[in-house]
PDB file of N, CA and C in Angstrom:
ATOM      1  N   MET A   1       1.206  -1.326   0.208  1.00  0.00           N
ATOM      2  CA  MET A   1       0.650   0.101   0.569  1.00  0.00           C
ATOM      3  C   MET A   1       0.607   1.391   0.076  1.00  0.00           C
ATOM      4  N   ILE A   2       0.260   1.998  -1.025  1.00  0.00           N
ATOM      5  CA  ILE A   2       1.491   2.965  -1.690  1.00  0.00           C
ATOM      6  C   ILE A   2       0.983   4.703  -0.288  1.00  0.00           C
ATOM      7  N   ALA A   3      -0.393   4.362  -0.179  1.00  0.00           N
ATOM      8  CA  ALA A   3      -0.485   6.664   0.875  1.00  0.00           C
ATOM      9  C   ALA A   3      -2.383   5.904   0.974  1.00  0.00           C
ATOM     10  N   SER A   4      -1.873   6.099   2.445  1.00  0.00           N
ATOM     11  CA  SER A   4      -3.088   6.028   3.049  1.00  0.00           C
ATOM     12  C   SER A   4      -3.971   7.633   3.500  1.00  0.00           C
ATOM     13  N   VAL A   5      -5.110   7.376   2.732  1.00  0.00           N
ATOM     14  CA  VAL A   5      -6.220   8.683   3.120  1.00  0.00           C
ATOM     15  C   VAL A   5      -6.923   8.232   4.244  1.00  0.00           C
ATOM     16  N   ILE A   6      -6.702   9.796   5.443  1.00  0.00           N
ATOM     17  CA  ILE A   6      -7.417   9.745   6.467  1.00  0.00           C
ATOM     18  C   ILE A   6      -8.649  11.008   5.584  1.00  0.00           C
ATOM     19  N   ILE A   7      -9.508   9.637   6.081  1.00  0.00           N
ATOM     20  CA  ILE A   7     -10.727  12.055   5.838  1.00  0.00           C
ATOM     21  C   ILE A   7     -11.239  11.737   7.050  1.00  0.00           C
ATOM     22  N   SER A   8     -11.419  12.978   7.729  1.00  0.00           N
ATOM     23  CA  SER A   8     -12.385  13.184   8.935  1.00  0.00           C
ATOM     24  C   SER A   8     -14.202  13.359   8.387  1.00  0.00           C
ATOM     25  N   PHE A   9     -14.228  12.524   9.373  1.00  0.00           N
ATOM     26  CA  PHE A   9     -15.727  12.363   8.927  1.00  0.00           C
ATOM     27  C   PHE A   9     -16.706  12.974  10.746  1.00  0.00           C
ATOM     28  N   TYR A  10     -17.839  13.621   9.687  1.00  0.00           N
ATOM     29  CA  TYR A  10     -18.995  13.748  11.052  1.00  0.00           C
ATOM     30  C   TYR A  10     -20.134  13.849  10.389  1.00  0.00           C
ATOM     31  N   LYS A  11     -20.467  12.502  10.466  1.00  0.00           N
ATOM     32  CA  LYS A  11     -22.273  12.321  10.441  1.00  0.00           C
ATOM     33  C   LYS A  11     -22.534  12.502   9.165  1.00  0.00           C
ATOM     34  N   ASN A  12     -22.208  13.051   7.964  1.00  0.00           N
ATOM     35  CA  ASN A  12     -22.742  13.347   6.821  1.00  0.00           C
ATOM     36  C   ASN A  12     -22.552  12.896   5.749  1.00  0.00           C
ATOM     37  N   ILE A  13     -23.307  11.322   6.221  1.00  0.00           N
ATOM     38  CA  ILE A  13     -23.176  10.465   4.520  1.00  0.00           C
ATOM     39  C   ILE A  13     -23.012  10.870   3.732  1.00  0.00           C
ATOM     40  N   GLU A  14     -23.777  10.954   3.284  1.00  0.00           N
ATOM     41  CA  GLU A  14     -23.792  11.377   1.938  1.00  0.00           C
ATOM     42  C   GLU A  14     -23.401  12.056   1.173  1.00  0.00           C
ATOM     43  N   TYR A  15     -22.218  13.316   1.770  1.00  0.00           N
ATOM     44  CA  TYR A  15     -21.050  13.496   1.869  1.00  0.00           C
ATOM     45  C   TYR A  15     -19.505  12.526   1.434  1.00  0.00           C
ATOM     46  N   LEU A  16     -19.923  12.283   1.935  1.00  0.00           N
ATOM     47  CA  LEU A  16     -19.115  11.140   2.271  1.00  0.00           C
ATOM     48  C   LEU A  16     -19.248  10.060   1.360  1.00  0.00           C
ATOM     49  N   ASN A  17     -20.716   9.000   0.640  1.00  0.00           N
ATOM     50  CA  ASN A  17     -20.558   9.031  -0.799  1.00  0.00           C
ATOM     51  C   ASN A  17     -20.611   9.870  -1.465  1.00  0.00           C
ATOM     52  N   LEU A  18     -20.219  10.984  -1.882  1.00  0.00           N
ATOM     53  CA  LEU A  18     -19.747  11.240  -2.727  1.00  0.00           C
ATOM     54  C   LEU A  18     -18.351  10.757  -2.699  1.00  0.00           C
ATOM     55  N   VAL A  19     -17.123  11.655  -1.773  1.00  0.00           N
ATOM     56  CA  VAL A  19     -16.621  11.606  -1.432  1.00  0.00           C
ATOM     57  C   VAL A  19     -15.867  10.577  -1.745  1.00  0.00           C
ATOM     58  N   LEU A  20     -15.987   9.134  -1.713  1.00  0.00           N
ATOM     59  CA  LEU A  20     -15.268   8.166  -1.902  1.00  0.00           C
ATOM     60  C   LEU A  20     -16.044   7.572  -3.014  1.00  0.00           C
ATOM     61  N   ALA A  21     -17.478   7.673  -3.900  1.00  0.00           N
ATOM     62  CA  ALA A  21     -16.765   7.615  -4.971  1.00  0.00           C
ATOM     63  C   ALA A  21     -16.333   8.573  -5.925  1.00  0.00           C
ATOM     64  N   GLY A  22     -15.532   9.601  -5.526  1.00  0.00           N
ATOM     65  CA  GLY A  22     -14.210  10.031  -6.002  1.00  0.00           C
ATOM     66  C   GLY A  22     -13.190   9.617  -5.683  1.00  0.00           C
ATOM     67  N   PHE A  23     -13.328   8.659  -4.949  1.00  0.00           N
ATOM     68  CA  PHE A  23     -11.984   8.351  -4.726  1.00  0.00           C
ATOM     69  C   PHE A  23     -11.933   7.082  -6.428  1.00  0.00           C
ATOM     70  N   GLU A  24     -13.264   6.752  -5.407  1.00  0.00           N
ATOM     71  CA  GLU A  24     -12.864   5.284  -6.706  1.00  0.00           C
ATOM     72  C   GLU A  24     -12.816   5.501  -8.295  1.00  0.00           C
ATOM     73  N   ARG A  25     -12.967   7.065  -8.726  1.00  0.00           N
ATOM     74  CA  ARG A  25     -11.748   7.339  -9.829  1.00  0.00           C
ATOM     75  C   ARG A  25     -10.643   7.705  -9.898  1.00  0.00           C
ATOM     76  N   GLN A  26      -9.518   7.280  -9.016  1.00  0.00           N
ATOM     77  CA  GLN A  26      -8.269   7.759  -8.720  1.00  0.00           C
ATOM     78  C   GLN A  26      -7.068   7.553 -10.659  1.00  0.00           C
ATOM     79  N   SER A  27      -6.973   8.092 -10.870  1.00  0.00           N
ATOM     80  CA  SER A  27      -6.012   7.776 -11.853  1.00  0.00           C
ATOM     81  C   SER A  27      -5.103   6.260 -10.400  1.00  0.00           C
ATOM     82  N   GLU A  28      -5.116   6.472  -9.373  1.00  0.00           N
ATOM     83  CA  GLU A  28      -3.941   6.212  -8.973  1.00  0.00           C
ATOM     84  C   GLU A  28      -4.731   4.776  -8.143  1.00  0.00           C
ATOM     85  N   ASN A  29      -4.361   3.266  -8.217  1.00  0.00           N
ATOM     86  CA  ASN A  29      -5.411   2.838  -7.564  1.00  0.00           C
ATOM     87  C   ASN A  29      -4.446   2.433  -5.761  1.00  0.00           C
ATOM     88  N   ASP A  30      -2.788   2.416  -5.216  1.00  0.00           N
ATOM     89  CA  ASP A  30      -2.685   1.759  -4.449  1.00  0.00           C
ATOM     90  C   ASP A  30      -3.024   2.230  -3.958  1.00  0.00           C
ATOM     91  N   PHE A  31      -4.056   2.065  -3.053  1.00  0.00           N
ATOM     92  CA  PHE A  31      -4.425   2.808  -1.291  1.00  0.00           C
ATOM     93  C   PHE A  31      -5.457   2.789  -1.085  1.00  0.00           C
ATOM     94  N   GLU A  32      -5.417   3.116   0.395  1.00  0.00           N
ATOM     95  CA  GLU A  32      -6.323   2.550   1.445  1.00  0.00           C
ATOM     96  C   GLU A  32      -7.236   4.071   1.823  1.00  0.00           C
ATOM     97  N   ILE A  33      -8.485   3.674   2.164  1.00  0.00           N
ATOM     98  CA  ILE A  33      -8.919   5.155   3.253  1.00  0.00           C
ATOM     99  C   ILE A  33      -8.635   5.003   4.558  1.00  0.00           C
ATOM    100  N   ILE A  34      -8.754   5.269   5.197  1.00  0.00           N
ATOM    101  CA  ILE A  34      -9.891   5.455   6.331  1.00  0.00           C
ATOM    102  C   ILE A  34     -10.654   6.657   6.962  1.00  0.00           C
ATOM    103  N   ILE A  35     -11.626   6.620   7.578  1.00  0.00           N
ATOM    104  CA  ILE A  35     -12.414   7.149   8.111  1.00  0.00           C
ATOM    105  C   ILE A  35     -12.276   7.565   9.052  1.00  0.00           C
ATOM    106  N   ALA A  36     -11.886   8.756   9.550  1.00  0.00           N
ATOM    107  CA  ALA A  36     -11.552   9.598  10.593  1.00  0.00           C
ATOM    108  C   ALA A  36     -13.288   9.940  11.460  1.00  0.00           C
ATOM    109  N   ASP A  37     -14.085   9.046  12.413  1.00  0.00           N
ATOM    110  CA  ASP A  37     -15.244   9.750  12.866  1.00  0.00           C
ATOM    111  C   ASP A  37     -15.007  10.072  14.186  1.00  0.00           C
ATOM    112  N   ASP A  38     -16.081  11.318  13.968  1.00  0.00           N
ATOM    113  CA  ASP A  38     -15.341  11.975  15.582  1.00  0.00           C
ATOM    114  C   ASP A  38     -16.905  11.899  15.610  1.00  0.00           C
ATOM    115  N   GLY A  39     -17.569  11.490  16.536  1.00  0.00           N
ATOM    116  CA  GLY A  39     -18.418  10.908  16.644  1.00  0.00           C
ATOM    117  C   GLY A  39     -20.077  10.561  16.478  1.00  0.00           C
ATOM    118  N   SER A  40     -20.123   9.668  15.640  1.00  0.00           N
ATOM    119  CA  SER A  40     -21.361   9.246  15.252  1.00  0.00           C
ATOM    120  C   SER A  40     -22.066   8.741  14.739  1.00  0.00           C
ATOM    121  N   ASP A  41     -23.458   8.925  15.171  1.00  0.00           N
ATOM    122  CA  ASP A  41     -24.137   7.552  15.764  1.00  0.00           C
ATOM    123  C   ASP A  41     -24.625   5.918  14.979  1.00  0.00           C
ATOM    124  N   GLU A  42     -25.644   5.620  15.780  1.00  0.00           N
ATOM    125  CA  GLU A  42     -24.936   4.087  14.950  1.00  0.00           C
ATOM    126  C   GLU A  42     -25.307   3.798  14.141  1.00  0.00           C
ATOM    127  N   ASN A  43     -26.349   4.679  13.683  1.00  0.00           N
ATOM    128  CA  ASN A  43     -27.383   4.587  12.303  1.00  0.00           C
ATOM    129  C   ASN A  43     -25.616   4.619  11.559  1.00  0.00           C
ATOM    130  N   VAL A  44     -25.162   5.764  11.790  1.00  0.00           N
ATOM    131  CA  VAL A  44     -24.183   6.205  10.546  1.00  0.00           C
ATOM    132  C   VAL A  44     -23.247   4.999  10.530  1.00  0.00           C
ATOM    133  N   ILE A  45     -23.074   4.433  11.397  1.00  0.00           N
ATOM    134  CA  ILE A  45     -21.914   3.698  11.271  1.00  0.00           C
ATOM    135  C   ILE A  45     -22.202   2.279  10.710  1.00  0.00           C
ATOM    136  N   LYS A  46     -23.533   1.941  10.615  1.00  0.00           N
ATOM    137  CA  LYS A  46     -23.993   0.552   9.972  1.00  0.00           C
ATOM    138  C   LYS A  46     -24.078   1.283   8.193  1.00  0.00           C
ATOM    139  N   GLN A  47     -24.285   2.851   8.358  1.00  0.00           N
ATOM    140  CA  GLN A  47     -24.481   2.781   6.946  1.00  0.00           C
ATOM    141  C   GLN A  47     -22.682   3.356   5.986  1.00  0.00           C
ATOM    142  N   ILE A  48     -21.534   3.482   7.376  1.00  0.00           N
ATOM    143  CA  ILE A  48     -20.955   2.659   6.512  1.00  0.00           C
ATOM    144  C   ILE A  48     -19.522   2.151   6.611  1.00  0.00           C
ATOM    145  N   GLU A  49     -21.090   1.190   7.468  1.00  0.00           N
ATOM    146  CA  GLU A  49     -20.554  -0.576   7.751  1.00  0.00           C
ATOM    147  C   GLU A  49     -20.720  -1.144   5.322  1.00  0.00           C
ATOM    148  N   GLU A  50     -21.809  -0.482   5.572  1.00  0.00           N
ATOM    149  CA  GLU A  50     -22.586  -0.759   3.714  1.00  0.00           C
ATOM    150  C   GLU A  50     -22.015  -0.530   3.253  1.00  0.00           C
ATOM    151  N   LEU A  51     -21.670   0.800   3.516  1.00  0.00           N
ATOM    152  CA  LEU A  51     -20.244   1.378   2.349  1.00  0.00           C
ATOM    153  C   LEU A  51     -19.518   1.150   1.763  1.00  0.00           C
ATOM    154  N   SER A  52     -18.673   0.463   3.145  1.00  0.00           N
ATOM    155  CA  SER A  52     -17.166   0.367   2.844  1.00  0.00           C
ATOM    156  C   SER A  52     -16.660  -0.994   1.499  1.00  0.00           C
ATOM    157  N   THR A  53     -17.708  -1.664   1.763  1.00  0.00           N
ATOM    158  CA  THR A  53     -18.271  -2.927   0.644  1.00  0.00           C
ATOM    159  C   THR A  53     -18.665  -2.505  -0.627  1.00  0.00           C
ATOM    160  N   GLU A  54     -19.065  -1.311  -0.768  1.00  0.00           N
ATOM    161  CA  GLU A  54     -18.661  -1.213  -2.228  1.00  0.00           C
ATOM    162  C   GLU A  54     -17.880  -0.533  -3.574  1.00  0.00           C
ATOM    163  N   PHE A  55     -16.358  -0.621  -2.704  1.00  0.00           N
ATOM    164  CA  PHE A  55     -16.000  -0.034  -2.970  1.00  0.00           C
ATOM    165  C   PHE A  55     -14.659  -0.767  -3.951  1.00  0.00           C
ATOM    166  N   PRO A  56     -13.525  -0.534  -4.089  1.00  0.00           N
ATOM    167  CA  PRO A  56     -12.701  -1.615  -4.499  1.00  0.00           C
ATOM    168  C   PRO A  56     -11.283  -0.937  -3.934  1.00  0.00           C
ATOM    169  N   PHE A  57     -10.997  -0.500  -3.210  1.00  0.00           N
ATOM    170  CA  PHE A  57     -10.305   0.199  -2.229  1.00  0.00           C
ATOM    171  C   PHE A  57     -10.660   0.112  -0.921  1.00  0.00           C
ATOM    172  N   ARG A  58      -9.347  -0.646   0.311  1.00  0.00           N
ATOM    173  CA  ARG A  58     -10.074  -0.759   2.007  1.00  0.00           C
ATOM    174  C   ARG A  58     -10.185   0.288   2.346  1.00  0.00           C
ATOM    175  N   VAL A  59     -11.303   0.207   3.462  1.00  0.00           N
ATOM    176  CA  VAL A  59     -11.899   1.462   3.737  1.00  0.00           C
ATOM    177  C   VAL A  59     -11.801   0.785   5.212  1.00  0.00           C
ATOM    178  N   ILE A  60     -11.426   2.356   5.758  1.00  0.00           N
ATOM    179  CA  ILE A  60     -10.467   0.887   7.282  1.00  0.00           C
ATOM    180  C   ILE A  60     -11.865   2.398   8.153  1.00  0.00           C
ATOM    181  N   HIS A  61     -12.481   2.260   9.130  1.00  0.00           N
ATOM    182  CA  HIS A  61     -12.876   3.108   9.930  1.00  0.00           C
ATOM    183  C   HIS A  61     -12.555   3.532  11.630  1.00  0.00           C
ATOM    184  N   ILE A  62     -12.440   4.525  11.997  1.00  0.00           N
ATOM    185  CA  ILE A  62     -11.151   4.154  13.337  1.00  0.00           C
ATOM    186  C   ILE A  62     -13.214   5.532  13.704  1.00  0.00           C
ATOM    187  N   TRP A  63     -13.433   4.944  14.696  1.00  0.00           N
ATOM    188  CA  TRP A  63     -14.485   6.289  15.398  1.00  0.00           C
ATOM    189  C   TRP A  63     -14.318   6.507  17.199  1.00  0.00           C
ATOM    190  N   GLN A  64     -14.741   6.892  17.204  1.00  0.00           N
ATOM    191  CA  GLN A  64     -14.289   7.644  19.067  1.00  0.00           C
ATOM    192  C   GLN A  64     -16.379   8.238  19.952  1.00  0.00           C
ATOM    193  N   GLU A  65     -16.637   7.800  19.851  1.00  0.00           N
ATOM    194  CA  GLU A  65     -17.424   8.440  21.274  1.00  0.00           C
ATOM    195  C   GLU A  65     -17.661  10.188  20.752  1.00  0.00           C
ATOM    196  N   ASP A  66     -18.955  10.627  20.598  1.00  0.00           N
ATOM    197  CA  ASP A  66     -19.032  12.335  20.292  1.00  0.00           C
ATOM    198  C   ASP A  66     -18.648  12.282  22.135  1.00  0.00           C
ATOM    199  N   LYS A  67     -17.631  13.317  22.234  1.00  0.00           N
ATOM    200  CA  LYS A  67     -17.230  14.258  23.829  1.00  0.00           C
ATOM    201  C   LYS A  67     -17.607  15.664  23.029  1.00  0.00           C
ATOM    202  N   GLY A  68     -18.011  16.355  21.689  1.00  0.00           N
ATOM    203  CA  GLY A  68     -17.091  17.693  21.092  1.00  0.00           C
ATOM    204  C   GLY A  68     -16.661  17.113  20.115  1.00  0.00           C
ATOM    205  N   PHE A  69     -15.940  18.515  19.653  1.00  0.00           N
ATOM    206  CA  PHE A  69     -15.220  18.816  18.939  1.00  0.00           C
ATOM    207  C   PHE A  69     -13.489  17.801  19.103  1.00  0.00           C
ATOM    208  N   ARG A  70     -13.261  16.471  18.477  1.00  0.00           N
ATOM    209  CA  ARG A  70     -11.725  16.131  18.746  1.00  0.00           C
ATOM    210  C   ARG A  70     -11.868  15.729  17.783  1.00  0.00           C
ATOM    211  N   LYS A  71     -11.169  16.934  16.711  1.00  0.00           N
ATOM    212  CA  LYS A  71     -11.143  15.744  15.669  1.00  0.00           C
ATOM    213  C   LYS A  71      -9.303  15.198  15.637  1.00  0.00           C
ATOM    214  N   ASN A  72      -8.894  15.953  15.503  1.00  0.00           N
ATOM    215  CA  ASN A  72      -7.404  15.907  15.917  1.00  0.00           C
ATOM    216  C   ASN A  72      -7.146  14.494  16.586  1.00  0.00           C
ATOM    217  N   LYS A  73      -7.989  14.270  17.869  1.00  0.00           N
ATOM    218  CA  LYS A  73      -7.304  13.244  18.719  1.00  0.00           C
ATOM    219  C   LYS A  73      -8.028  12.153  17.453  1.00  0.00           C
ATOM    220  N   ILE A  74      -9.377  11.581  16.782  1.00  0.00           N
ATOM    221  CA  ILE A  74      -9.220  10.883  15.917  1.00  0.00           C
ATOM    222  C   ILE A  74      -8.697  10.743  14.190  1.00  0.00           C
ATOM    223  N   LEU A  75      -7.967  11.648  14.301  1.00  0.00           N
ATOM    224  CA  LEU A  75      -7.276  11.280  13.447  1.00  0.00           C
ATOM    225  C   LEU A  75      -5.684  11.260  13.274  1.00  0.00           C
ATOM    226  N   ASN A  76      -4.985  11.212  14.650  1.00  0.00           N
ATOM    227  CA  ASN A  76      -3.792  11.235  15.245  1.00  0.00           C
ATOM    228  C   ASN A  76      -4.045   9.301  15.619  1.00  0.00           C
ATOM    229  N   GLN A  77      -4.949   8.750  15.706  1.00  0.00           N
ATOM    230  CA  GLN A  77      -5.593   7.644  15.804  1.00  0.00           C
ATOM    231  C   GLN A  77      -5.110   6.515  14.243  1.00  0.00           C
ATOM    232  N   ALA A  78      -6.454   7.526  13.450  1.00  0.00           N
ATOM    233  CA  ALA A  78      -6.658   7.411  11.909  1.00  0.00           C
ATOM    234  C   ALA A  78      -5.276   6.908  11.839  1.00  0.00           C
ATOM    235  N   VAL A  79      -3.588   8.472  12.102  1.00  0.00           N
ATOM    236  CA  VAL A  79      -2.372   8.161  11.604  1.00  0.00           C
ATOM    237  C   VAL A  79      -1.955   6.056  12.002  1.00  0.00           C
ATOM    238  N   VAL A  80      -2.350   6.157  13.055  1.00  0.00           N
ATOM    239  CA  VAL A  80      -1.356   4.907  13.746  1.00  0.00           C
ATOM    240  C   VAL A  80      -2.595   3.768  13.258  1.00  0.00           C
ATOM    241  N   SER A  81      -3.674   3.748  12.600  1.00  0.00           N
ATOM    242  CA  SER A  81      -3.941   3.009  11.524  1.00  0.00           C
ATOM    243  C   SER A  81      -3.469   2.932  10.544  1.00  0.00           C
ATOM    244  N   SER A  82      -3.033   3.414  10.113  1.00  0.00           N
ATOM    245  CA  SER A  82      -1.849   2.945   8.537  1.00  0.00           C
ATOM    246  C   SER A  82      -1.156   2.621   8.065  1.00  0.00           C
ATOM    247  N   ASN A  83      -1.504   2.271   6.991  1.00  0.00           N
ATOM    248  CA  ASN A  83       0.009   1.201   6.520  1.00  0.00           C
ATOM    249  C   ASN A  83       0.158   1.151   5.573  1.00  0.00           C
ATOM    250  N   SER A  84       0.931   2.413   5.547  1.00  0.00           N
ATOM    251  CA  SER A  84       1.252   2.786   3.805  1.00  0.00           C
ATOM    252  C   SER A  84       2.208   3.858   4.864  1.00  0.00           C
ATOM    253  N   ASP A  85       3.141   3.929   3.517  1.00  0.00           N
ATOM    254  CA  ASP A  85       4.391   5.086   4.102  1.00  0.00           C
ATOM    255  C   ASP A  85       4.128   6.274   3.922  1.00  0.00           C
ATOM    256  N   TYR A  86       2.734   7.578   2.744  1.00  0.00           N
ATOM    257  CA  TYR A  86       2.212   8.926   2.760  1.00  0.00           C
ATOM    258  C   TYR A  86       0.326   8.620   3.575  1.00  0.00           C
ATOM    259  N   LEU A  87       0.733   9.416   4.124  1.00  0.00           N
ATOM    260  CA  LEU A  87      -0.594  10.038   4.491  1.00  0.00           C
ATOM    261  C   LEU A  87      -1.413  11.733   4.068  1.00  0.00           C
ATOM    262  N   ILE A  88      -2.674  11.184   3.096  1.00  0.00           N
ATOM    263  CA  ILE A  88      -2.951  11.962   1.825  1.00  0.00           C
ATOM    264  C   ILE A  88      -4.957  12.623   3.193  1.00  0.00           C
ATOM    265  N   PHE A  89      -4.280  13.470   3.677  1.00  0.00           N
ATOM    266  CA  PHE A  89      -5.776  14.055   4.534  1.00  0.00           C
ATOM    267  C   PHE A  89      -6.656  14.755   3.621  1.00  0.00           C
ATOM    268  N   ILE A  90      -8.148  14.840   4.313  1.00  0.00           N
ATOM    269  CA  ILE A  90      -8.731  15.245   3.744  1.00  0.00           C
ATOM    270  C   ILE A  90     -10.069  15.290   4.718  1.00  0.00           C
ATOM    271  N   ASP A  91     -10.492  16.640   3.574  1.00  0.00           N
ATOM    272  CA  ASP A  91     -12.336  16.594   4.246  1.00  0.00           C
ATOM    273  C   ASP A  91     -13.311  15.348   4.419  1.00  0.00           C
ATOM    274  N   GLY A  92     -14.252  15.389   4.910  1.00  0.00           N
ATOM    275  CA  GLY A  92     -15.382  14.292   4.410  1.00  0.00           C
ATOM    276  C   GLY A  92     -16.736  14.917   3.303  1.00  0.00           C
ATOM    277  N   ASP A  93     -16.346  16.062   3.598  1.00  0.00           N
ATOM    278  CA  ASP A  93     -17.456  17.644   2.565  1.00  0.00           C
ATOM    279  C   ASP A  93     -15.886  17.224   1.520  1.00  0.00           C
ATOM    280  N   CYS A  94     -15.026  17.017   0.864  1.00  0.00           N
ATOM    281  CA  CYS A  94     -14.434  16.949  -0.589  1.00  0.00           C
ATOM    282  C   CYS A  94     -14.038  16.408  -1.101  1.00  0.00           C
ATOM    283  N   VAL A  95     -14.925  16.324  -2.687  1.00  0.00           N
ATOM    284  CA  VAL A  95     -14.301  15.782  -3.544  1.00  0.00           C
ATOM    285  C   VAL A  95     -13.379  15.528  -3.978  1.00  0.00           C
ATOM    286  N   PRO A  96     -12.632  14.644  -3.956  1.00  0.00           N
ATOM    287  CA  PRO A  96     -11.270  14.573  -4.846  1.00  0.00           C
ATOM    288  C   PRO A  96     -11.678  14.416  -6.631  1.00  0.00           C
ATOM    289  N   HIS A  97     -10.814  15.037  -6.939  1.00  0.00           N
ATOM    290  CA  HIS A  97     -10.648  15.310  -8.252  1.00  0.00           C
ATOM    291  C   HIS A  97      -9.741  13.375  -9.204  1.00  0.00           C
ATOM    292  N   SER A  98      -9.593  12.681 -10.446  1.00  0.00           N
ATOM    293  CA  SER A  98      -9.578  12.006 -10.340  1.00  0.00           C
ATOM    294  C   SER A  98      -7.769  11.976 -11.001  1.00  0.00           C
ATOM    295  N   LYS A  99      -6.682  12.726 -10.505  1.00  0.00           N
ATOM    296  CA  LYS A  99      -5.715  11.886 -10.257  1.00  0.00           C
ATOM    297  C   LYS A  99      -4.993  13.056  -9.292  1.00  0.00           C
ATOM    298  N   PHE A 100      -6.008  13.038  -7.683  1.00  0.00           N
ATOM    299  CA  PHE A 100      -5.998  13.350  -6.736  1.00  0.00           C
ATOM    300  C   PHE A 100      -4.352  12.822  -5.655  1.00  0.00           C
ATOM    301  N   ILE A 101      -5.202  12.043  -5.719  1.00  0.00           N
ATOM    302  CA  ILE A 101      -3.935  10.686  -5.415  1.00  0.00           C
ATOM    303  C   ILE A 101      -2.740  10.931  -6.074  1.00  0.00           C
ATOM    304  N   GLU A 102      -2.406  10.095  -7.514  1.00  0.00           N
ATOM    305  CA  GLU A 102      -1.681  10.819  -7.719  1.00  0.00           C
ATOM    306  C   GLU A 102      -1.053  11.711  -7.295  1.00  0.00           C
ATOM    307  N   GLU A 103      -1.307  13.220  -8.028  1.00  0.00           N
ATOM    308  CA  GLU A 103      -0.559  14.906  -7.789  1.00  0.00           C
ATOM    309  C   GLU A 103       0.216  14.558  -6.648  1.00  0.00           C
ATOM    310  N   HIS A 104      -0.754  14.348  -5.650  1.00  0.00           N
ATOM    311  CA  HIS A 104      -0.309  13.579  -4.207  1.00  0.00           C
ATOM    312  C   HIS A 104       0.964  12.815  -4.379  1.00  0.00           C
ATOM    313  N   LEU A 105       0.622  11.819  -4.281  1.00  0.00           N
ATOM    314  CA  LEU A 105       2.246  10.924  -4.577  1.00  0.00           C
ATOM    315  C   LEU A 105       3.857  11.929  -4.948  1.00  0.00           C
ATOM    316  N   SER A 106       3.548  12.124  -6.868  1.00  0.00           N
ATOM    317  CA  SER A 106       4.332  13.107  -7.245  1.00  0.00           C
ATOM    318  C   SER A 106       4.591  13.850  -6.353  1.00  0.00           C
ATOM    319  N   ALA A 107       3.574  14.730  -6.387  1.00  0.00           N
ATOM    320  CA  ALA A 107       4.978  15.859  -5.413  1.00  0.00           C
ATOM    321  C   ALA A 107       5.889  15.006  -4.525  1.00  0.00           C
ATOM    322  N   LYS A 108       5.523  13.814  -3.015  1.00  0.00           N
ATOM    323  CA  LYS A 108       7.096  13.548  -2.365  1.00  0.00           C
ATOM    324  C   LYS A 108       8.131  13.627  -2.841  1.00  0.00           C
ATOM    325  N   SER A 109       8.462  13.316  -4.336  1.00  0.00           N
ATOM    326  CA  SER A 109       9.789  13.044  -5.246  1.00  0.00           C
ATOM    327  C   SER A 109       9.887  14.550  -5.476  1.00  0.00           C
ATOM    328  N   LYS A 110       9.572  15.293  -5.614  1.00  0.00           N
ATOM    329  CA  LYS A 110       9.619  16.772  -5.870  1.00  0.00           C
ATOM    330  C   LYS A 110      11.398  17.668  -4.560  1.00  0.00           C
TER     331      LYS A 110
END
């Protein structure tokens, strides 16, 4: 696995679906997705579990209890669970263009 894409996420499953669809169309395919969930409820967690099976890449869901805004804590947990040498961060409401990962990885060699 060359890259881990860490998506910060909180409750909005419709946006997450669009973001994941954007990653399905990437020119670079050697990556995993880590959803860093800052306290979504059980219904959303179930939807994420179902959604993760629909894509060709590995999806890891990291969750923490909702105790207010603790985005940085869940992002740190996502970093620890990563299985790659390169980390790419994106918010859960940003749909990536088709060369998003490729362009990030090409920047590492410059």
